[in-house]
Amino acid sequence: MLNNSSQYVFNADALLFGGVMLFLILVLHATYMFLVTRQFEKITDALIAAKRYGWIQPVFYVMAFILALSHLLEIYFWGFTLNLLGLIPDAHQAMVFAGSVYTTLGFNTNPLPPSWDLVMVVIALSGMIAFGWSISVLLGMTQIVHTARLQRKA
C-alpha cells in the first residue's frame, strides 16, 4: 500500500546521509585514482627510460587489479557506515546490501528502515560514477601501454 505522507516521501536525514556519503565516496575514489595513476606513471616512465618495455604490460595488470580494489573499499565503506549507524543492524547483510546496490543489481529485500529507500539510489549513483571514472583511468593507462609498445617497435 502506498504511503503518501511527506515524512515517508521526503526524509531529510536520508538525503543528508546520502549526500555526505556520496561526497566522501567521491573524495575517496578521486584520491585512490590519483595515487594509482601517479604510481603507474612513475613505474612506466622508469621502465620506458630503461627500455624495459616487456614489463609495462604486467605492471598494467597489477595496477588494474589495484584499481579494482577501490570498488571493494567503497562497498565496505558503505556497508560499514550503514551498519555503524544502525540502518542495517547485521554487518554481513549491510556489506552484501551495499555491494548489491553499488553494482546496481538491486537487493531482493530492502533491509533499510522505512523512508530510507533514497539511500539505495545514492549508493547506486556512487557506483556508477566510480565505475565510469575507473574505466576512464584504465583507458589512460592503456594508452601508456600502447605508446610503450610503439616505442618498443621503433
N, C-alpha and C. Protein backbone atom coordinates (compact mmCIF):
# COMPACT_ATOMS: atom_id res chain seq x y z
N MET A 1 0.84 -1.17 0.00
CA MET A 1 0.00 0.00 0.00
C MET A 1 0.89 1.24 0.00
N LEU A 2 0.55 2.20 -0.81
CA LEU A 2 1.35 3.42 -0.92
C LEU A 2 1.11 4.31 0.28
N ASN A 3 2.19 4.92 0.72
CA ASN A 3 2.10 5.88 1.80
C ASN A 3 2.55 7.21 1.23
N ASN A 4 1.67 8.18 1.13
CA ASN A 4 1.96 9.46 0.50
C ASN A 4 2.26 10.57 1.50
N SER A 5 2.49 10.23 2.75
CA SER A 5 2.79 11.28 3.71
C SER A 5 4.14 11.91 3.38
N SER A 6 4.29 13.20 3.65
CA SER A 6 5.54 13.88 3.33
C SER A 6 6.70 13.31 4.11
N GLN A 7 6.45 12.78 5.29
CA GLN A 7 7.51 12.18 6.09
C GLN A 7 8.07 10.95 5.38
N TYR A 8 7.22 10.17 4.75
CA TYR A 8 7.66 8.97 4.05
C TYR A 8 8.34 9.32 2.73
N VAL A 9 7.82 10.29 2.02
CA VAL A 9 8.35 10.65 0.70
C VAL A 9 9.66 11.41 0.83
N PHE A 10 9.76 12.34 1.75
CA PHE A 10 10.95 13.16 1.90
C PHE A 10 11.54 12.96 3.28
N ASN A 11 12.65 12.28 3.33
CA ASN A 11 13.35 12.05 4.59
C ASN A 11 14.64 12.85 4.54
N ALA A 12 14.66 13.97 5.23
CA ALA A 12 15.82 14.86 5.21
C ALA A 12 17.07 14.15 5.74
N ASP A 13 16.90 13.29 6.74
CA ASP A 13 18.05 12.56 7.28
C ASP A 13 18.66 11.63 6.23
N ALA A 14 17.81 10.95 5.48
CA ALA A 14 18.31 10.06 4.42
C ALA A 14 18.99 10.86 3.33
N LEU A 15 18.42 11.99 2.98
CA LEU A 15 19.01 12.85 1.95
C LEU A 15 20.36 13.40 2.40
N LEU A 16 20.45 13.85 3.62
CA LEU A 16 21.70 14.37 4.17
C LEU A 16 22.75 13.26 4.25
N PHE A 17 22.36 12.11 4.78
CA PHE A 17 23.27 10.97 4.88
C PHE A 17 23.78 10.58 3.50
N GLY A 18 22.87 10.44 2.54
CA GLY A 18 23.26 10.06 1.19
C GLY A 18 24.19 11.07 0.55
N GLY A 19 23.89 12.35 0.72
CA GLY A 19 24.73 13.40 0.15
C GLY A 19 26.13 13.42 0.75
N VAL A 20 26.21 13.32 2.05
CA VAL A 20 27.52 13.31 2.72
C VAL A 20 28.32 12.07 2.30
N MET A 21 27.66 10.94 2.27
CA MET A 21 28.35 9.70 1.88
C MET A 21 28.81 9.75 0.43
N LEU A 22 27.97 10.28 -0.45
CA LEU A 22 28.35 10.40 -1.86
C LEU A 22 29.59 11.28 -1.99
N PHE A 23 29.61 12.40 -1.29
CA PHE A 23 30.78 13.28 -1.31
C PHE A 23 32.02 12.55 -0.81
N LEU A 24 31.90 11.87 0.32
CA LEU A 24 33.05 11.15 0.89
C LEU A 24 33.54 10.05 -0.03
N ILE A 25 32.62 9.32 -0.63
CA ILE A 25 32.99 8.24 -1.56
C ILE A 25 33.73 8.83 -2.76
N LEU A 26 33.25 9.94 -3.30
CA LEU A 26 33.91 10.54 -4.46
C LEU A 26 35.29 11.09 -4.11
N VAL A 27 35.44 11.64 -2.92
CA VAL A 27 36.77 12.09 -2.48
C VAL A 27 37.70 10.89 -2.31
N LEU A 28 37.19 9.82 -1.72
CA LEU A 28 37.97 8.60 -1.56
C LEU A 28 38.38 8.05 -2.92
N HIS A 29 37.44 8.00 -3.85
CA HIS A 29 37.72 7.47 -5.18
C HIS A 29 38.73 8.34 -5.92
N ALA A 30 38.56 9.64 -5.84
CA ALA A 30 39.48 10.57 -6.52
C ALA A 30 40.90 10.40 -5.99
N THR A 31 41.03 10.32 -4.68
CA THR A 31 42.35 10.15 -4.07
C THR A 31 42.98 8.85 -4.50
N TYR A 32 42.20 7.78 -4.46
CA TYR A 32 42.68 6.46 -4.86
C TYR A 32 43.11 6.46 -6.33
N MET A 33 42.27 7.04 -7.19
CA MET A 33 42.60 7.10 -8.63
C MET A 33 43.88 7.89 -8.86
N PHE A 34 44.03 9.01 -8.16
CA PHE A 34 45.22 9.83 -8.29
C PHE A 34 46.46 9.05 -7.88
N LEU A 35 46.39 8.35 -6.75
CA LEU A 35 47.55 7.60 -6.27
C LEU A 35 47.92 6.45 -7.21
N VAL A 36 46.94 5.72 -7.69
CA VAL A 36 47.21 4.60 -8.61
C VAL A 36 47.78 5.12 -9.92
N THR A 37 47.17 6.16 -10.47
CA THR A 37 47.65 6.72 -11.74
C THR A 37 49.07 7.25 -11.60
N ARG A 38 49.31 7.96 -10.53
CA ARG A 38 50.65 8.53 -10.31
C ARG A 38 51.69 7.43 -10.20
N GLN A 39 51.38 6.38 -9.44
CA GLN A 39 52.33 5.27 -9.28
C GLN A 39 52.56 4.55 -10.60
N PHE A 40 51.50 4.34 -11.36
CA PHE A 40 51.63 3.68 -12.66
C PHE A 40 52.53 4.50 -13.59
N GLU A 41 52.32 5.80 -13.61
CA GLU A 41 53.13 6.66 -14.47
C GLU A 41 54.60 6.67 -14.04
N LYS A 42 54.85 6.68 -12.74
CA LYS A 42 56.24 6.64 -12.24
C LYS A 42 56.94 5.35 -12.68
N ILE A 43 56.24 4.24 -12.49
CA ILE A 43 56.83 2.94 -12.83
C ILE A 43 57.05 2.82 -14.34
N THR A 44 56.04 3.18 -15.11
CA THR A 44 56.17 3.04 -16.57
C THR A 44 57.20 4.02 -17.14
N ASP A 45 57.28 5.22 -16.58
CA ASP A 45 58.31 6.16 -17.03
C ASP A 45 59.71 5.57 -16.81
N ALA A 46 59.91 4.97 -15.65
CA ALA A 46 61.21 4.36 -15.34
C ALA A 46 61.49 3.18 -16.27
N LEU A 47 60.47 2.38 -16.54
CA LEU A 47 60.65 1.22 -17.43
C LEU A 47 60.93 1.67 -18.87
N ILE A 48 60.24 2.70 -19.32
CA ILE A 48 60.48 3.21 -20.67
C ILE A 48 61.89 3.79 -20.78
N ALA A 49 62.31 4.55 -19.75
CA ALA A 49 63.66 5.13 -19.76
C ALA A 49 64.73 4.04 -19.79
N ALA A 50 64.45 2.92 -19.13
CA ALA A 50 65.41 1.81 -19.09
C ALA A 50 65.23 0.86 -20.28
N LYS A 51 64.27 1.20 -21.17
CA LYS A 51 63.94 0.38 -22.35
C LYS A 51 63.57 -1.05 -21.96
N ARG A 52 62.84 -1.18 -20.87
CA ARG A 52 62.35 -2.49 -20.40
C ARG A 52 60.85 -2.56 -20.68
N TYR A 53 60.53 -2.53 -21.94
CA TYR A 53 59.14 -2.45 -22.39
C TYR A 53 58.32 -3.69 -22.03
N GLY A 54 58.96 -4.83 -21.94
CA GLY A 54 58.24 -6.07 -21.64
C GLY A 54 57.59 -6.09 -20.27
N TRP A 55 58.04 -5.24 -19.38
CA TRP A 55 57.49 -5.20 -18.02
C TRP A 55 56.26 -4.29 -17.90
N ILE A 56 56.03 -3.48 -18.91
CA ILE A 56 54.96 -2.49 -18.79
C ILE A 56 53.58 -3.15 -18.75
N GLN A 57 53.37 -4.15 -19.57
CA GLN A 57 52.05 -4.80 -19.57
C GLN A 57 51.77 -5.54 -18.26
N PRO A 58 52.71 -6.31 -17.70
CA PRO A 58 52.42 -6.91 -16.38
C PRO A 58 52.18 -5.86 -15.29
N VAL A 59 52.88 -4.74 -15.36
CA VAL A 59 52.64 -3.67 -14.39
C VAL A 59 51.21 -3.14 -14.57
N PHE A 60 50.77 -3.01 -15.82
CA PHE A 60 49.40 -2.59 -16.09
C PHE A 60 48.39 -3.54 -15.44
N TYR A 61 48.61 -4.84 -15.57
CA TYR A 61 47.68 -5.81 -14.98
C TYR A 61 47.60 -5.66 -13.47
N VAL A 62 48.74 -5.51 -12.84
CA VAL A 62 48.77 -5.36 -11.38
C VAL A 62 48.07 -4.07 -10.97
N MET A 63 48.36 -2.99 -11.66
CA MET A 63 47.74 -1.70 -11.31
C MET A 63 46.24 -1.70 -11.61
N ALA A 64 45.81 -2.40 -12.64
CA ALA A 64 44.38 -2.51 -12.93
C ALA A 64 43.68 -3.27 -11.80
N PHE A 65 44.33 -4.30 -11.29
CA PHE A 65 43.78 -5.05 -10.15
C PHE A 65 43.68 -4.15 -8.92
N ILE A 66 44.74 -3.39 -8.66
CA ILE A 66 44.73 -2.47 -7.51
C ILE A 66 43.64 -1.42 -7.69
N LEU A 67 43.45 -0.98 -8.92
CA LEU A 67 42.39 -0.02 -9.23
C LEU A 67 41.02 -0.62 -8.90
N ALA A 68 40.82 -1.87 -9.26
CA ALA A 68 39.54 -2.54 -9.00
C ALA A 68 39.27 -2.67 -7.50
N LEU A 69 40.32 -2.77 -6.72
CA LEU A 69 40.14 -2.88 -5.27
C LEU A 69 39.47 -1.65 -4.67
N SER A 70 39.57 -0.51 -5.36
CA SER A 70 38.93 0.70 -4.85
C SER A 70 37.43 0.49 -4.69
N HIS A 71 36.84 -0.28 -5.58
CA HIS A 71 35.40 -0.50 -5.52
C HIS A 71 35.02 -1.36 -4.32
N LEU A 72 35.86 -2.34 -4.01
CA LEU A 72 35.60 -3.14 -2.81
C LEU A 72 35.73 -2.29 -1.55
N LEU A 73 36.71 -1.39 -1.55
CA LEU A 73 36.89 -0.48 -0.43
C LEU A 73 35.66 0.42 -0.26
N GLU A 74 35.14 0.92 -1.36
CA GLU A 74 33.98 1.80 -1.29
C GLU A 74 32.72 1.04 -0.86
N ILE A 75 32.57 -0.19 -1.34
CA ILE A 75 31.44 -1.02 -0.89
C ILE A 75 31.56 -1.28 0.61
N TYR A 76 32.77 -1.57 1.07
CA TYR A 76 32.99 -1.78 2.51
C TYR A 76 32.62 -0.51 3.28
N PHE A 77 33.04 0.63 2.78
CA PHE A 77 32.76 1.90 3.45
C PHE A 77 31.25 2.13 3.57
N TRP A 78 30.52 1.88 2.49
CA TRP A 78 29.06 2.00 2.55
C TRP A 78 28.48 1.03 3.58
N GLY A 79 28.86 -0.25 3.47
CA GLY A 79 28.32 -1.26 4.37
C GLY A 79 28.65 -0.99 5.82
N PHE A 80 29.91 -0.61 6.07
CA PHE A 80 30.35 -0.30 7.43
C PHE A 80 29.52 0.84 8.02
N THR A 81 29.32 1.88 7.22
CA THR A 81 28.58 3.04 7.70
C THR A 81 27.11 2.72 7.93
N LEU A 82 26.51 1.96 7.01
CA LEU A 82 25.11 1.55 7.20
C LEU A 82 24.95 0.76 8.50
N ASN A 83 25.91 -0.09 8.77
CA ASN A 83 25.88 -0.90 9.99
C ASN A 83 26.18 -0.06 11.22
N LEU A 84 27.18 0.79 11.12
CA LEU A 84 27.59 1.64 12.25
C LEU A 84 26.44 2.53 12.73
N LEU A 85 25.68 3.08 11.77
CA LEU A 85 24.58 3.96 12.13
C LEU A 85 23.31 3.21 12.50
N GLY A 86 23.35 1.88 12.43
CA GLY A 86 22.20 1.07 12.81
C GLY A 86 21.11 1.01 11.76
N LEU A 87 21.40 1.48 10.55
CA LEU A 87 20.39 1.40 9.49
C LEU A 87 20.18 -0.04 9.05
N ILE A 88 21.27 -0.82 9.07
CA ILE A 88 21.19 -2.26 8.84
C ILE A 88 21.99 -2.91 9.96
N PRO A 89 21.31 -3.46 10.97
CA PRO A 89 21.99 -3.94 12.17
C PRO A 89 22.98 -5.10 11.94
N ASP A 90 22.73 -5.94 10.96
CA ASP A 90 23.62 -7.08 10.70
C ASP A 90 24.74 -6.64 9.75
N ALA A 91 26.00 -6.75 10.21
CA ALA A 91 27.14 -6.26 9.43
C ALA A 91 27.27 -6.99 8.09
N HIS A 92 27.09 -8.29 8.11
CA HIS A 92 27.20 -9.06 6.86
C HIS A 92 26.13 -8.62 5.86
N GLN A 93 24.91 -8.49 6.34
CA GLN A 93 23.82 -8.06 5.46
C GLN A 93 24.08 -6.65 4.94
N ALA A 94 24.66 -5.78 5.77
CA ALA A 94 24.97 -4.41 5.33
C ALA A 94 25.99 -4.42 4.20
N MET A 95 27.00 -5.28 4.31
CA MET A 95 28.02 -5.37 3.25
C MET A 95 27.44 -5.93 1.96
N VAL A 96 26.67 -6.99 2.07
CA VAL A 96 26.06 -7.61 0.88
C VAL A 96 25.08 -6.63 0.23
N PHE A 97 24.31 -5.95 1.05
CA PHE A 97 23.38 -4.96 0.52
C PHE A 97 24.14 -3.85 -0.21
N ALA A 98 25.17 -3.31 0.41
CA ALA A 98 25.94 -2.22 -0.20
C ALA A 98 26.56 -2.67 -1.53
N GLY A 99 27.10 -3.88 -1.56
CA GLY A 99 27.70 -4.39 -2.79
C GLY A 99 26.67 -4.62 -3.88
N SER A 100 25.53 -5.12 -3.49
CA SER A 100 24.48 -5.39 -4.46
C SER A 100 23.92 -4.11 -5.06
N VAL A 101 23.71 -3.13 -4.24
CA VAL A 101 23.14 -1.87 -4.71
C VAL A 101 24.21 -1.04 -5.43
N TYR A 102 25.46 -1.09 -4.97
CA TYR A 102 26.56 -0.36 -5.59
C TYR A 102 26.75 -0.77 -7.04
N THR A 103 26.55 -2.04 -7.31
CA THR A 103 26.69 -2.53 -8.68
C THR A 103 25.36 -2.45 -9.44
N THR A 104 24.39 -1.83 -8.86
CA THR A 104 23.05 -1.60 -9.40
C THR A 104 22.30 -2.88 -9.74
N LEU A 105 22.70 -3.99 -9.12
CA LEU A 105 21.96 -5.23 -9.33
C LEU A 105 20.64 -5.21 -8.57
N GLY A 106 20.63 -4.48 -7.49
CA GLY A 106 19.44 -4.44 -6.66
C GLY A 106 19.53 -5.47 -5.56
N PHE A 107 18.62 -5.41 -4.64
CA PHE A 107 18.63 -6.30 -3.49
C PHE A 107 17.25 -6.94 -3.40
N ASN A 108 17.22 -8.21 -3.08
CA ASN A 108 15.97 -8.95 -3.04
C ASN A 108 14.97 -8.33 -2.07
N THR A 109 15.39 -8.13 -0.85
CA THR A 109 14.53 -7.47 0.13
C THR A 109 15.26 -6.24 0.63
N ASN A 110 14.53 -5.21 0.92
CA ASN A 110 15.11 -3.95 1.36
C ASN A 110 15.28 -3.97 2.89
N PRO A 111 16.52 -4.03 3.38
CA PRO A 111 16.72 -4.08 4.83
C PRO A 111 16.75 -2.70 5.49
N LEU A 112 16.62 -1.64 4.70
CA LEU A 112 16.65 -0.29 5.27
C LEU A 112 15.35 0.03 5.99
N PRO A 113 15.42 0.93 6.96
CA PRO A 113 14.19 1.36 7.62
C PRO A 113 13.25 2.06 6.64
N PRO A 114 11.95 2.11 6.94
CA PRO A 114 11.01 2.81 6.06
C PRO A 114 11.47 4.25 5.83
N SER A 115 11.29 4.72 4.65
CA SER A 115 11.60 6.08 4.17
C SER A 115 13.10 6.32 3.95
N TRP A 116 13.90 5.27 4.00
CA TRP A 116 15.34 5.41 3.73
C TRP A 116 15.70 4.83 2.36
N ASP A 117 14.72 4.57 1.51
CA ASP A 117 14.96 3.98 0.20
C ASP A 117 15.86 4.82 -0.70
N LEU A 118 15.83 6.12 -0.51
CA LEU A 118 16.66 7.01 -1.31
C LEU A 118 18.15 6.66 -1.20
N VAL A 119 18.54 6.11 -0.07
CA VAL A 119 19.95 5.73 0.12
C VAL A 119 20.37 4.70 -0.92
N MET A 120 19.47 3.81 -1.30
CA MET A 120 19.80 2.82 -2.35
C MET A 120 20.15 3.52 -3.65
N VAL A 121 19.42 4.55 -3.99
CA VAL A 121 19.67 5.28 -5.23
C VAL A 121 21.03 5.97 -5.17
N VAL A 122 21.37 6.54 -4.04
CA VAL A 122 22.65 7.23 -3.89
C VAL A 122 23.81 6.25 -3.94
N ILE A 123 23.65 5.08 -3.33
CA ILE A 123 24.71 4.05 -3.40
C ILE A 123 24.92 3.64 -4.85
N ALA A 124 23.83 3.40 -5.58
CA ALA A 124 23.94 3.03 -7.00
C ALA A 124 24.59 4.15 -7.80
N LEU A 125 24.24 5.39 -7.52
CA LEU A 125 24.84 6.53 -8.22
C LEU A 125 26.34 6.58 -7.96
N SER A 126 26.75 6.35 -6.71
CA SER A 126 28.17 6.37 -6.40
C SER A 126 28.91 5.27 -7.14
N GLY A 127 28.29 4.11 -7.26
CA GLY A 127 28.91 3.01 -8.00
C GLY A 127 29.04 3.31 -9.49
N MET A 128 27.98 3.88 -10.07
CA MET A 128 28.03 4.21 -11.50
C MET A 128 29.12 5.24 -11.78
N ILE A 129 29.19 6.27 -10.96
CA ILE A 129 30.21 7.30 -11.15
C ILE A 129 31.60 6.70 -10.98
N ALA A 130 31.78 5.90 -9.93
CA ALA A 130 33.10 5.32 -9.66
C ALA A 130 33.53 4.35 -10.76
N PHE A 131 32.61 3.53 -11.26
CA PHE A 131 32.97 2.61 -12.34
C PHE A 131 33.35 3.37 -13.60
N GLY A 132 32.58 4.40 -13.93
CA GLY A 132 32.91 5.21 -15.10
C GLY A 132 34.26 5.88 -14.97
N TRP A 133 34.54 6.39 -13.80
CA TRP A 133 35.80 7.05 -13.53
C TRP A 133 36.95 6.05 -13.65
N SER A 134 36.77 4.87 -13.08
CA SER A 134 37.81 3.83 -13.15
C SER A 134 38.08 3.42 -14.60
N ILE A 135 37.03 3.31 -15.38
CA ILE A 135 37.21 2.93 -16.79
C ILE A 135 38.00 4.00 -17.52
N SER A 136 37.73 5.27 -17.23
CA SER A 136 38.49 6.33 -17.90
C SER A 136 39.95 6.30 -17.50
N VAL A 137 40.23 5.97 -16.24
CA VAL A 137 41.62 5.85 -15.79
C VAL A 137 42.29 4.65 -16.47
N LEU A 138 41.57 3.54 -16.57
CA LEU A 138 42.12 2.36 -17.26
C LEU A 138 42.42 2.67 -18.73
N LEU A 139 41.56 3.44 -19.37
CA LEU A 139 41.83 3.81 -20.77
C LEU A 139 43.10 4.65 -20.88
N GLY A 140 43.30 5.56 -19.95
CA GLY A 140 44.53 6.34 -19.93
C GLY A 140 45.76 5.47 -19.72
N MET A 141 45.63 4.51 -18.82
CA MET A 141 46.75 3.58 -18.57
C MET A 141 47.01 2.72 -19.82
N THR A 142 45.95 2.32 -20.49
CA THR A 142 46.09 1.52 -21.71
C THR A 142 46.83 2.30 -22.79
N GLN A 143 46.58 3.60 -22.85
CA GLN A 143 47.28 4.44 -23.82
C GLN A 143 48.79 4.44 -23.57
N ILE A 144 49.18 4.45 -22.31
CA ILE A 144 50.61 4.40 -21.97
C ILE A 144 51.20 3.07 -22.42
N VAL A 145 50.47 1.98 -22.20
CA VAL A 145 50.95 0.66 -22.64
C VAL A 145 51.09 0.65 -24.16
N HIS A 146 50.12 1.20 -24.86
CA HIS A 146 50.16 1.26 -26.32
C HIS A 146 51.35 2.09 -26.80
N THR A 147 51.58 3.22 -26.19
CA THR A 147 52.72 4.08 -26.54
C THR A 147 54.04 3.36 -26.33
N ALA A 148 54.14 2.64 -25.22
CA ALA A 148 55.37 1.87 -24.94
C ALA A 148 55.57 0.77 -25.97
N ARG A 149 54.47 0.14 -26.40
CA ARG A 149 54.55 -0.90 -27.41
C ARG A 149 55.08 -0.32 -28.73
N LEU A 150 54.62 0.87 -29.08
CA LEU A 150 55.10 1.52 -30.31
C LEU A 150 56.58 1.90 -30.19
N GLN A 151 56.99 2.35 -29.01
CA GLN A 151 58.39 2.69 -28.80
C GLN A 151 59.27 1.45 -28.88
N ARG A 152 58.75 0.34 -28.43
CA ARG A 152 59.50 -0.92 -28.46
C ARG A 152 59.78 -1.34 -29.90
N LYS A 153 58.81 -1.10 -30.78
CA LYS A 153 58.96 -1.48 -32.20
C LYS A 153 59.90 -0.53 -32.94
N ALA A 154 60.03 0.69 -32.45
CA ALA A 154 60.87 1.68 -33.14
C ALA A 154 62.36 1.44 -32.96
